[in-house]
Amino acid sequence: MAESPNLSPRQVSDAIRVGLSNRRDVDLPDSEAAEASVTYRDNLIHYREHVLKSLDAGDYRQVAEKSWGAYSQTVKAIAADRSLRVRSHTSILRVSEQLVALVSSADPVSGSLLDNGVNSAHSLHIHFYENDLPDETVTRRADAVAAAIDLLQELFPADTPAP
């Protein structure tokens, strides 16, 4: 278990906003935020279950895609908890980079784990289309994504209040 860095809700929200700076539709009405967070977290569970099923079936392209799906839903849930909307692949990556920077400034070890998870998630998403990674690499990167998701959920739990 990582030592939780002392990050204020405002710091987290500001980091997410920086990642979304070129979007006009980033604000999520409070009336929709809680529902969106629950939906994203339910989707996360669904994708994580399918990662395991796909591993058992030896379907590494689906392992890759479902790992990306689980990761993206995690980032979307963290943003929704702060009444912010993340929609595109580019925004997911930009927000992720901001969260990595924020966590790294407080805890470099956790920041490195998150950075590895972000890069692994992105490469797995590409692999789904290109089918260019060895099965062992897909498995290793899926593990890195799962570790990053666990850490993100630990650092940014659902019950964190918006600023």
N, C-alpha and C. Protein backbone atom coordinates (compact mmCIF):
# COMPACT_ATOMS: atom_id res chain seq x y z
N MET A 1 0.84 -1.17 0.00
CA MET A 1 0.00 0.00 0.00
C MET A 1 0.89 1.24 0.00
N ALA A 2 0.59 2.16 -0.88
CA ALA A 2 1.38 3.38 -1.00
C ALA A 2 1.01 4.34 0.11
N GLU A 3 1.99 5.13 0.50
CA GLU A 3 1.71 6.19 1.45
C GLU A 3 0.94 7.26 0.71
N SER A 4 -0.20 7.62 1.25
CA SER A 4 -1.06 8.58 0.57
C SER A 4 -0.46 9.98 0.66
N PRO A 5 -0.16 10.57 -0.50
CA PRO A 5 0.35 11.95 -0.45
C PRO A 5 -0.76 12.89 0.00
N ASN A 6 -0.38 13.94 0.65
CA ASN A 6 -1.36 14.91 1.14
C ASN A 6 -1.71 15.87 0.02
N LEU A 7 -2.66 15.48 -0.80
CA LEU A 7 -3.11 16.29 -1.92
C LEU A 7 -4.49 16.81 -1.60
N SER A 8 -4.65 18.10 -1.73
CA SER A 8 -5.96 18.68 -1.44
C SER A 8 -6.92 18.40 -2.59
N PRO A 9 -8.20 18.39 -2.30
CA PRO A 9 -9.18 18.23 -3.39
C PRO A 9 -8.99 19.30 -4.48
N ARG A 10 -8.63 20.51 -4.10
CA ARG A 10 -8.42 21.58 -5.07
C ARG A 10 -7.23 21.25 -5.98
N GLN A 11 -6.14 20.71 -5.42
CA GLN A 11 -4.98 20.34 -6.24
C GLN A 11 -5.37 19.30 -7.29
N VAL A 12 -6.15 18.33 -6.88
CA VAL A 12 -6.56 17.27 -7.80
C VAL A 12 -7.46 17.84 -8.90
N SER A 13 -8.44 18.63 -8.51
CA SER A 13 -9.33 19.24 -9.50
C SER A 13 -8.57 20.14 -10.47
N ASP A 14 -7.63 20.92 -9.94
CA ASP A 14 -6.84 21.80 -10.80
C ASP A 14 -6.00 20.99 -11.79
N ALA A 15 -5.43 19.89 -11.33
CA ALA A 15 -4.63 19.04 -12.22
C ALA A 15 -5.50 18.47 -13.34
N ILE A 16 -6.70 18.03 -13.00
CA ILE A 16 -7.60 17.50 -14.02
C ILE A 16 -7.96 18.61 -15.02
N ARG A 17 -8.28 19.80 -14.51
CA ARG A 17 -8.64 20.92 -15.39
C ARG A 17 -7.51 21.27 -16.37
N VAL A 18 -6.26 21.22 -15.90
CA VAL A 18 -5.14 21.50 -16.79
C VAL A 18 -5.12 20.49 -17.94
N GLY A 19 -5.39 19.24 -17.62
CA GLY A 19 -5.44 18.21 -18.66
C GLY A 19 -6.57 18.40 -19.63
N LEU A 20 -7.58 19.13 -19.24
CA LEU A 20 -8.75 19.35 -20.08
C LEU A 20 -8.81 20.78 -20.62
N SER A 21 -7.72 21.50 -20.55
CA SER A 21 -7.73 22.93 -20.82
C SER A 21 -8.25 23.32 -22.20
N ASN A 22 -8.14 22.46 -23.17
CA ASN A 22 -8.60 22.84 -24.51
C ASN A 22 -10.04 22.40 -24.79
N ARG A 23 -10.75 21.97 -23.77
CA ARG A 23 -12.14 21.55 -23.94
C ARG A 23 -13.08 22.57 -23.30
N ARG A 24 -14.18 22.82 -23.96
CA ARG A 24 -15.16 23.76 -23.42
C ARG A 24 -16.24 23.06 -22.59
N ASP A 25 -16.39 21.77 -22.77
CA ASP A 25 -17.48 21.04 -22.13
C ASP A 25 -16.98 20.21 -20.95
N VAL A 26 -16.06 20.75 -20.18
CA VAL A 26 -15.46 19.96 -19.10
C VAL A 26 -16.29 19.94 -17.83
N ASP A 27 -17.12 20.93 -17.62
CA ASP A 27 -17.90 20.97 -16.38
C ASP A 27 -19.08 20.02 -16.47
N LEU A 28 -19.19 19.20 -15.46
CA LEU A 28 -20.27 18.22 -15.38
C LEU A 28 -21.24 18.72 -14.31
N PRO A 29 -22.49 18.95 -14.67
CA PRO A 29 -23.45 19.42 -13.66
C PRO A 29 -23.49 18.48 -12.46
N ASP A 30 -23.58 19.05 -11.27
CA ASP A 30 -23.61 18.24 -10.06
C ASP A 30 -24.68 17.17 -10.11
N SER A 31 -25.80 17.50 -10.76
CA SER A 31 -26.90 16.55 -10.85
C SER A 31 -26.51 15.29 -11.64
N GLU A 32 -25.51 15.41 -12.50
CA GLU A 32 -25.05 14.27 -13.30
C GLU A 32 -23.76 13.65 -12.78
N ALA A 33 -23.01 14.38 -11.98
CA ALA A 33 -21.68 13.93 -11.58
C ALA A 33 -21.70 12.62 -10.80
N ALA A 34 -22.55 12.54 -9.80
CA ALA A 34 -22.59 11.33 -8.96
C ALA A 34 -23.02 10.12 -9.78
N GLU A 35 -24.00 10.29 -10.63
CA GLU A 35 -24.47 9.20 -11.48
C GLU A 35 -23.37 8.77 -12.46
N ALA A 36 -22.68 9.72 -13.03
CA ALA A 36 -21.59 9.41 -13.95
C ALA A 36 -20.49 8.64 -13.24
N SER A 37 -20.14 9.06 -12.03
CA SER A 37 -19.09 8.38 -11.27
C SER A 37 -19.47 6.91 -11.02
N VAL A 38 -20.71 6.69 -10.62
CA VAL A 38 -21.17 5.31 -10.38
C VAL A 38 -21.12 4.50 -11.67
N THR A 39 -21.56 5.08 -12.77
CA THR A 39 -21.53 4.38 -14.06
C THR A 39 -20.11 4.02 -14.44
N TYR A 40 -19.19 4.98 -14.32
CA TYR A 40 -17.80 4.70 -14.69
C TYR A 40 -17.20 3.62 -13.80
N ARG A 41 -17.51 3.64 -12.52
CA ARG A 41 -16.97 2.63 -11.61
C ARG A 41 -17.58 1.25 -11.88
N ASP A 42 -18.86 1.22 -12.24
CA ASP A 42 -19.47 -0.05 -12.65
C ASP A 42 -18.81 -0.58 -13.92
N ASN A 43 -18.56 0.32 -14.88
CA ASN A 43 -17.88 -0.08 -16.11
C ASN A 43 -16.48 -0.60 -15.81
N LEU A 44 -15.80 0.03 -14.88
CA LEU A 44 -14.46 -0.40 -14.48
C LEU A 44 -14.50 -1.85 -14.00
N ILE A 45 -15.44 -2.16 -13.16
CA ILE A 45 -15.56 -3.54 -12.66
C ILE A 45 -15.82 -4.50 -13.82
N HIS A 46 -16.71 -4.12 -14.71
CA HIS A 46 -17.03 -4.94 -15.88
C HIS A 46 -15.78 -5.21 -16.71
N TYR A 47 -15.03 -4.16 -17.02
CA TYR A 47 -13.83 -4.33 -17.84
C TYR A 47 -12.78 -5.18 -17.12
N ARG A 48 -12.61 -4.98 -15.84
CA ARG A 48 -11.61 -5.77 -15.10
C ARG A 48 -11.99 -7.25 -15.12
N GLU A 49 -13.26 -7.55 -14.99
CA GLU A 49 -13.70 -8.95 -15.07
C GLU A 49 -13.38 -9.53 -16.45
N HIS A 50 -13.58 -8.73 -17.48
CA HIS A 50 -13.31 -9.21 -18.84
C HIS A 50 -11.82 -9.33 -19.13
N VAL A 51 -10.99 -8.56 -18.46
CA VAL A 51 -9.54 -8.76 -18.59
C VAL A 51 -9.20 -10.17 -18.12
N LEU A 52 -9.73 -10.56 -16.97
CA LEU A 52 -9.43 -11.89 -16.43
C LEU A 52 -9.98 -13.00 -17.31
N LYS A 53 -11.20 -12.83 -17.80
CA LYS A 53 -11.79 -13.83 -18.70
C LYS A 53 -10.98 -13.94 -19.98
N SER A 54 -10.55 -12.82 -20.50
CA SER A 54 -9.77 -12.83 -21.74
C SER A 54 -8.40 -13.46 -21.52
N LEU A 55 -7.80 -13.22 -20.37
CA LEU A 55 -6.53 -13.89 -20.04
C LEU A 55 -6.72 -15.39 -20.02
N ASP A 56 -7.78 -15.84 -19.34
CA ASP A 56 -8.06 -17.28 -19.27
C ASP A 56 -8.27 -17.88 -20.65
N ALA A 57 -8.88 -17.12 -21.55
CA ALA A 57 -9.17 -17.59 -22.90
C ALA A 57 -7.97 -17.43 -23.84
N GLY A 58 -6.92 -16.74 -23.38
CA GLY A 58 -5.77 -16.50 -24.25
C GLY A 58 -6.03 -15.47 -25.34
N ASP A 59 -7.02 -14.62 -25.14
CA ASP A 59 -7.36 -13.59 -26.11
C ASP A 59 -6.67 -12.29 -25.71
N TYR A 60 -5.42 -12.15 -26.12
CA TYR A 60 -4.59 -11.04 -25.66
C TYR A 60 -4.99 -9.68 -26.25
N ARG A 61 -5.60 -9.69 -27.41
CA ARG A 61 -6.09 -8.42 -27.94
C ARG A 61 -7.21 -7.88 -27.06
N GLN A 62 -8.08 -8.76 -26.58
CA GLN A 62 -9.13 -8.31 -25.67
C GLN A 62 -8.58 -7.96 -24.30
N VAL A 63 -7.55 -8.65 -23.85
CA VAL A 63 -6.88 -8.26 -22.60
C VAL A 63 -6.42 -6.81 -22.72
N ALA A 64 -5.81 -6.51 -23.87
CA ALA A 64 -5.29 -5.17 -24.10
C ALA A 64 -6.42 -4.14 -24.11
N GLU A 65 -7.45 -4.40 -24.87
CA GLU A 65 -8.54 -3.42 -25.00
C GLU A 65 -9.31 -3.24 -23.69
N LYS A 66 -9.57 -4.33 -22.99
CA LYS A 66 -10.31 -4.21 -21.73
C LYS A 66 -9.45 -3.56 -20.65
N SER A 67 -8.14 -3.73 -20.71
CA SER A 67 -7.26 -3.04 -19.76
C SER A 67 -7.34 -1.54 -19.98
N TRP A 68 -7.28 -1.13 -21.26
CA TRP A 68 -7.45 0.30 -21.58
C TRP A 68 -8.82 0.77 -21.11
N GLY A 69 -9.84 0.00 -21.37
CA GLY A 69 -11.19 0.38 -20.95
C GLY A 69 -11.28 0.59 -19.46
N ALA A 70 -10.73 -0.33 -18.69
CA ALA A 70 -10.75 -0.20 -17.23
C ALA A 70 -10.00 1.04 -16.78
N TYR A 71 -8.84 1.27 -17.39
CA TYR A 71 -8.06 2.44 -17.02
C TYR A 71 -8.83 3.73 -17.35
N SER A 72 -9.39 3.81 -18.54
CA SER A 72 -10.08 5.03 -18.95
C SER A 72 -11.29 5.30 -18.04
N GLN A 73 -11.99 4.28 -17.64
CA GLN A 73 -13.14 4.46 -16.76
C GLN A 73 -12.70 4.96 -15.39
N THR A 74 -11.53 4.54 -14.94
CA THR A 74 -10.99 5.02 -13.67
C THR A 74 -10.74 6.51 -13.72
N VAL A 75 -10.09 6.97 -14.78
CA VAL A 75 -9.80 8.40 -14.93
C VAL A 75 -11.10 9.19 -15.04
N LYS A 76 -12.04 8.69 -15.79
CA LYS A 76 -13.33 9.37 -15.94
C LYS A 76 -14.06 9.47 -14.60
N ALA A 77 -13.99 8.42 -13.79
CA ALA A 77 -14.65 8.43 -12.48
C ALA A 77 -14.00 9.45 -11.55
N ILE A 78 -12.68 9.50 -11.55
CA ILE A 78 -11.98 10.47 -10.70
C ILE A 78 -12.38 11.89 -11.09
N ALA A 79 -12.48 12.14 -12.38
CA ALA A 79 -12.90 13.47 -12.84
C ALA A 79 -14.36 13.73 -12.47
N ALA A 80 -15.23 12.76 -12.68
CA ALA A 80 -16.65 12.94 -12.37
C ALA A 80 -16.86 13.23 -10.88
N ASP A 81 -16.04 12.62 -10.03
CA ASP A 81 -16.13 12.90 -8.60
C ASP A 81 -15.86 14.37 -8.30
N ARG A 82 -15.21 15.05 -9.22
CA ARG A 82 -14.91 16.46 -9.07
C ARG A 82 -15.72 17.31 -10.03
N SER A 83 -16.83 16.74 -10.51
CA SER A 83 -17.77 17.41 -11.42
C SER A 83 -17.11 17.86 -12.71
N LEU A 84 -16.20 17.03 -13.20
CA LEU A 84 -15.51 17.30 -14.46
C LEU A 84 -15.73 16.12 -15.40
N ARG A 85 -15.81 16.43 -16.68
CA ARG A 85 -16.09 15.42 -17.70
C ARG A 85 -14.83 15.20 -18.55
N VAL A 86 -14.49 13.93 -18.73
CA VAL A 86 -13.38 13.54 -19.61
C VAL A 86 -14.00 12.67 -20.69
N ARG A 87 -13.80 13.08 -21.96
CA ARG A 87 -14.47 12.36 -23.04
C ARG A 87 -13.53 11.66 -24.01
N SER A 88 -12.45 12.28 -24.38
CA SER A 88 -11.65 11.75 -25.48
C SER A 88 -10.42 10.99 -24.98
N HIS A 89 -9.85 10.19 -25.88
CA HIS A 89 -8.61 9.49 -25.57
C HIS A 89 -7.51 10.48 -25.22
N THR A 90 -7.44 11.54 -26.00
CA THR A 90 -6.42 12.55 -25.74
C THR A 90 -6.60 13.17 -24.37
N SER A 91 -7.83 13.47 -24.00
CA SER A 91 -8.08 14.04 -22.67
C SER A 91 -7.74 13.06 -21.56
N ILE A 92 -8.03 11.80 -21.76
CA ILE A 92 -7.67 10.79 -20.75
C ILE A 92 -6.17 10.80 -20.53
N LEU A 93 -5.41 10.85 -21.62
CA LEU A 93 -3.95 10.86 -21.49
C LEU A 93 -3.44 12.16 -20.87
N ARG A 94 -4.01 13.29 -21.25
CA ARG A 94 -3.57 14.57 -20.68
C ARG A 94 -3.89 14.65 -19.20
N VAL A 95 -5.08 14.23 -18.82
CA VAL A 95 -5.44 14.22 -17.40
C VAL A 95 -4.52 13.26 -16.65
N SER A 96 -4.26 12.10 -17.23
CA SER A 96 -3.38 11.12 -16.60
C SER A 96 -2.00 11.72 -16.35
N GLU A 97 -1.47 12.42 -17.33
CA GLU A 97 -0.14 13.04 -17.17
C GLU A 97 -0.16 14.06 -16.04
N GLN A 98 -1.24 14.81 -15.90
CA GLN A 98 -1.34 15.78 -14.82
C GLN A 98 -1.43 15.09 -13.46
N LEU A 99 -2.18 13.99 -13.39
CA LEU A 99 -2.27 13.24 -12.13
C LEU A 99 -0.93 12.62 -11.77
N VAL A 100 -0.22 12.10 -12.77
CA VAL A 100 1.12 11.54 -12.53
C VAL A 100 2.04 12.63 -11.97
N ALA A 101 2.02 13.80 -12.59
CA ALA A 101 2.87 14.90 -12.12
C ALA A 101 2.51 15.30 -10.69
N LEU A 102 1.22 15.39 -10.41
CA LEU A 102 0.77 15.76 -9.08
C LEU A 102 1.22 14.74 -8.04
N VAL A 103 0.99 13.47 -8.32
CA VAL A 103 1.37 12.42 -7.37
C VAL A 103 2.89 12.35 -7.25
N SER A 104 3.60 12.47 -8.37
CA SER A 104 5.07 12.39 -8.34
C SER A 104 5.69 13.47 -7.47
N SER A 105 5.07 14.64 -7.45
CA SER A 105 5.63 15.72 -6.65
C SER A 105 5.54 15.41 -5.15
N ALA A 106 4.58 14.61 -4.76
CA ALA A 106 4.40 14.25 -3.36
C ALA A 106 5.02 12.90 -3.02
N ASP A 107 5.05 11.99 -4.00
CA ASP A 107 5.53 10.62 -3.76
C ASP A 107 6.08 10.06 -5.07
N PRO A 108 7.38 10.22 -5.32
CA PRO A 108 7.96 9.79 -6.59
C PRO A 108 7.76 8.31 -6.91
N VAL A 109 7.75 7.47 -5.91
CA VAL A 109 7.57 6.03 -6.16
C VAL A 109 6.17 5.77 -6.71
N SER A 110 5.16 6.34 -6.08
CA SER A 110 3.80 6.17 -6.57
C SER A 110 3.64 6.84 -7.94
N GLY A 111 4.27 7.98 -8.12
CA GLY A 111 4.22 8.64 -9.42
C GLY A 111 4.80 7.78 -10.52
N SER A 112 5.88 7.09 -10.23
CA SER A 112 6.51 6.20 -11.22
C SER A 112 5.60 5.02 -11.54
N LEU A 113 4.94 4.46 -10.52
CA LEU A 113 4.01 3.36 -10.76
C LEU A 113 2.85 3.82 -11.64
N LEU A 114 2.33 5.02 -11.37
CA LEU A 114 1.25 5.55 -12.19
C LEU A 114 1.71 5.81 -13.62
N ASP A 115 2.90 6.38 -13.76
CA ASP A 115 3.44 6.68 -15.09
C ASP A 115 3.57 5.38 -15.90
N ASN A 116 4.07 4.34 -15.28
CA ASN A 116 4.17 3.04 -15.95
C ASN A 116 2.79 2.53 -16.35
N GLY A 117 1.82 2.72 -15.48
CA GLY A 117 0.45 2.28 -15.78
C GLY A 117 -0.17 3.04 -16.93
N VAL A 118 0.05 4.35 -16.97
CA VAL A 118 -0.48 5.18 -18.07
C VAL A 118 0.13 4.73 -19.39
N ASN A 119 1.44 4.61 -19.41
CA ASN A 119 2.13 4.19 -20.64
C ASN A 119 1.71 2.79 -21.07
N SER A 120 1.53 1.91 -20.10
CA SER A 120 1.09 0.55 -20.42
C SER A 120 -0.32 0.55 -20.98
N ALA A 121 -1.22 1.32 -20.36
CA ALA A 121 -2.60 1.40 -20.85
C ALA A 121 -2.63 1.91 -22.28
N HIS A 122 -1.86 2.94 -22.55
CA HIS A 122 -1.84 3.52 -23.89
C HIS A 122 -1.28 2.52 -24.90
N SER A 123 -0.20 1.85 -24.55
CA SER A 123 0.37 0.89 -25.50
C SER A 123 -0.56 -0.30 -25.72
N LEU A 124 -1.31 -0.69 -24.70
CA LEU A 124 -2.27 -1.79 -24.88
C LEU A 124 -3.42 -1.36 -25.78
N HIS A 125 -3.83 -0.12 -25.67
CA HIS A 125 -4.89 0.36 -26.56
C HIS A 125 -4.42 0.32 -28.01
N ILE A 126 -3.21 0.73 -28.24
CA ILE A 126 -2.63 0.66 -29.58
C ILE A 126 -2.52 -0.80 -30.04
N HIS A 127 -2.11 -1.66 -29.14
CA HIS A 127 -1.96 -3.09 -29.49
C HIS A 127 -3.27 -3.69 -29.99
N PHE A 128 -4.38 -3.26 -29.42
CA PHE A 128 -5.66 -3.80 -29.85
C PHE A 128 -5.84 -3.63 -31.36
N TYR A 129 -5.40 -2.50 -31.89
CA TYR A 129 -5.54 -2.23 -33.31
C TYR A 129 -4.39 -2.79 -34.15
N GLU A 130 -3.21 -2.79 -33.59
CA GLU A 130 -2.02 -3.19 -34.35
C GLU A 130 -1.63 -4.65 -34.14
N ASN A 131 -2.04 -5.22 -33.02
CA ASN A 131 -1.69 -6.60 -32.67
C ASN A 131 -0.19 -6.83 -32.82
N ASP A 132 0.59 -5.94 -32.18
CA ASP A 132 2.03 -5.91 -32.39
C ASP A 132 2.88 -6.28 -31.17
N LEU A 133 2.26 -6.70 -30.08
CA LEU A 133 3.02 -7.03 -28.88
C LEU A 133 2.98 -8.53 -28.60
N PRO A 134 4.06 -9.08 -28.07
CA PRO A 134 4.04 -10.48 -27.64
C PRO A 134 3.05 -10.67 -26.48
N ASP A 135 2.50 -11.85 -26.38
CA ASP A 135 1.52 -12.14 -25.33
C ASP A 135 2.08 -11.84 -23.93
N GLU A 136 3.34 -12.16 -23.71
CA GLU A 136 3.95 -11.93 -22.40
C GLU A 136 3.99 -10.43 -22.07
N THR A 137 4.23 -9.62 -23.08
CA THR A 137 4.26 -8.18 -22.88
C THR A 137 2.87 -7.66 -22.56
N VAL A 138 1.87 -8.17 -23.26
CA VAL A 138 0.49 -7.77 -22.98
C VAL A 138 0.14 -8.11 -21.53
N THR A 139 0.50 -9.30 -21.09
CA THR A 139 0.20 -9.72 -19.72
C THR A 139 0.91 -8.81 -18.71
N ARG A 140 2.18 -8.54 -18.94
CA ARG A 140 2.95 -7.69 -18.03
C ARG A 140 2.37 -6.28 -17.98
N ARG A 141 2.02 -5.74 -19.13
CA ARG A 141 1.45 -4.38 -19.15
C ARG A 141 0.05 -4.35 -18.55
N ALA A 142 -0.72 -5.39 -18.75
CA ALA A 142 -2.04 -5.45 -18.12
C ALA A 142 -1.89 -5.45 -16.60
N ASP A 143 -0.88 -6.13 -16.10
CA ASP A 143 -0.61 -6.11 -14.65
C ASP A 143 -0.24 -4.70 -14.19
N ALA A 144 0.56 -3.99 -14.99
CA ALA A 144 0.95 -2.62 -14.64
C ALA A 144 -0.27 -1.70 -14.63
N VAL A 145 -1.18 -1.90 -15.58
CA VAL A 145 -2.41 -1.11 -15.62
C VAL A 145 -3.25 -1.40 -14.38
N ALA A 146 -3.39 -2.67 -14.03
CA ALA A 146 -4.18 -3.04 -12.85
C ALA A 146 -3.59 -2.41 -11.58
N ALA A 147 -2.27 -2.41 -11.47
CA ALA A 147 -1.62 -1.80 -10.30
C ALA A 147 -1.88 -0.29 -10.27
N ALA A 148 -1.83 0.35 -11.43
CA ALA A 148 -2.10 1.78 -11.49
C ALA A 148 -3.55 2.09 -11.13
N ILE A 149 -4.47 1.28 -11.60
CA ILE A 149 -5.88 1.47 -11.26
C ILE A 149 -6.08 1.35 -9.76
N ASP A 150 -5.47 0.32 -9.16
CA ASP A 150 -5.59 0.14 -7.71
C ASP A 150 -5.07 1.36 -6.97
N LEU A 151 -3.92 1.87 -7.41
CA LEU A 151 -3.33 3.04 -6.76
C LEU A 151 -4.20 4.27 -6.96
N LEU A 152 -4.70 4.48 -8.16
CA LEU A 152 -5.59 5.62 -8.40
C LEU A 152 -6.82 5.56 -7.51
N GLN A 153 -7.39 4.37 -7.35
CA GLN A 153 -8.57 4.24 -6.50
C GLN A 153 -8.23 4.51 -5.03
N GLU A 154 -7.03 4.12 -4.64
CA GLU A 154 -6.58 4.36 -3.27
C GLU A 154 -6.33 5.86 -3.03
N LEU A 155 -5.66 6.50 -3.99
CA LEU A 155 -5.31 7.91 -3.82
C LEU A 155 -6.50 8.84 -4.02
N PHE A 156 -7.42 8.46 -4.90
CA PHE A 156 -8.55 9.32 -5.25
C PHE A 156 -9.85 8.54 -5.09
N PRO A 157 -10.23 8.22 -3.85
CA PRO A 157 -11.43 7.41 -3.64
C PRO A 157 -12.71 8.14 -4.06
N ALA A 158 -13.75 7.36 -4.27
CA ALA A 158 -15.02 7.90 -4.75
C ALA A 158 -15.63 8.91 -3.81
N ASP A 159 -15.38 8.80 -2.54
CA ASP A 159 -16.03 9.69 -1.59
C ASP A 159 -15.27 10.99 -1.36
N THR A 160 -14.30 11.31 -2.22
CA THR A 160 -13.57 12.57 -2.11
C THR A 160 -14.48 13.72 -2.52
N PRO A 161 -14.62 14.72 -1.68
CA PRO A 161 -15.51 15.84 -2.03
C PRO A 161 -14.90 16.72 -3.11
N ALA A 162 -15.77 17.26 -3.93
CA ALA A 162 -15.33 18.26 -4.92
C ALA A 162 -15.01 19.55 -4.17
N PRO A 163 -14.09 20.37 -4.72
CA PRO A 163 -13.74 21.63 -4.02
C PRO A 163 -14.87 22.63 -4.09
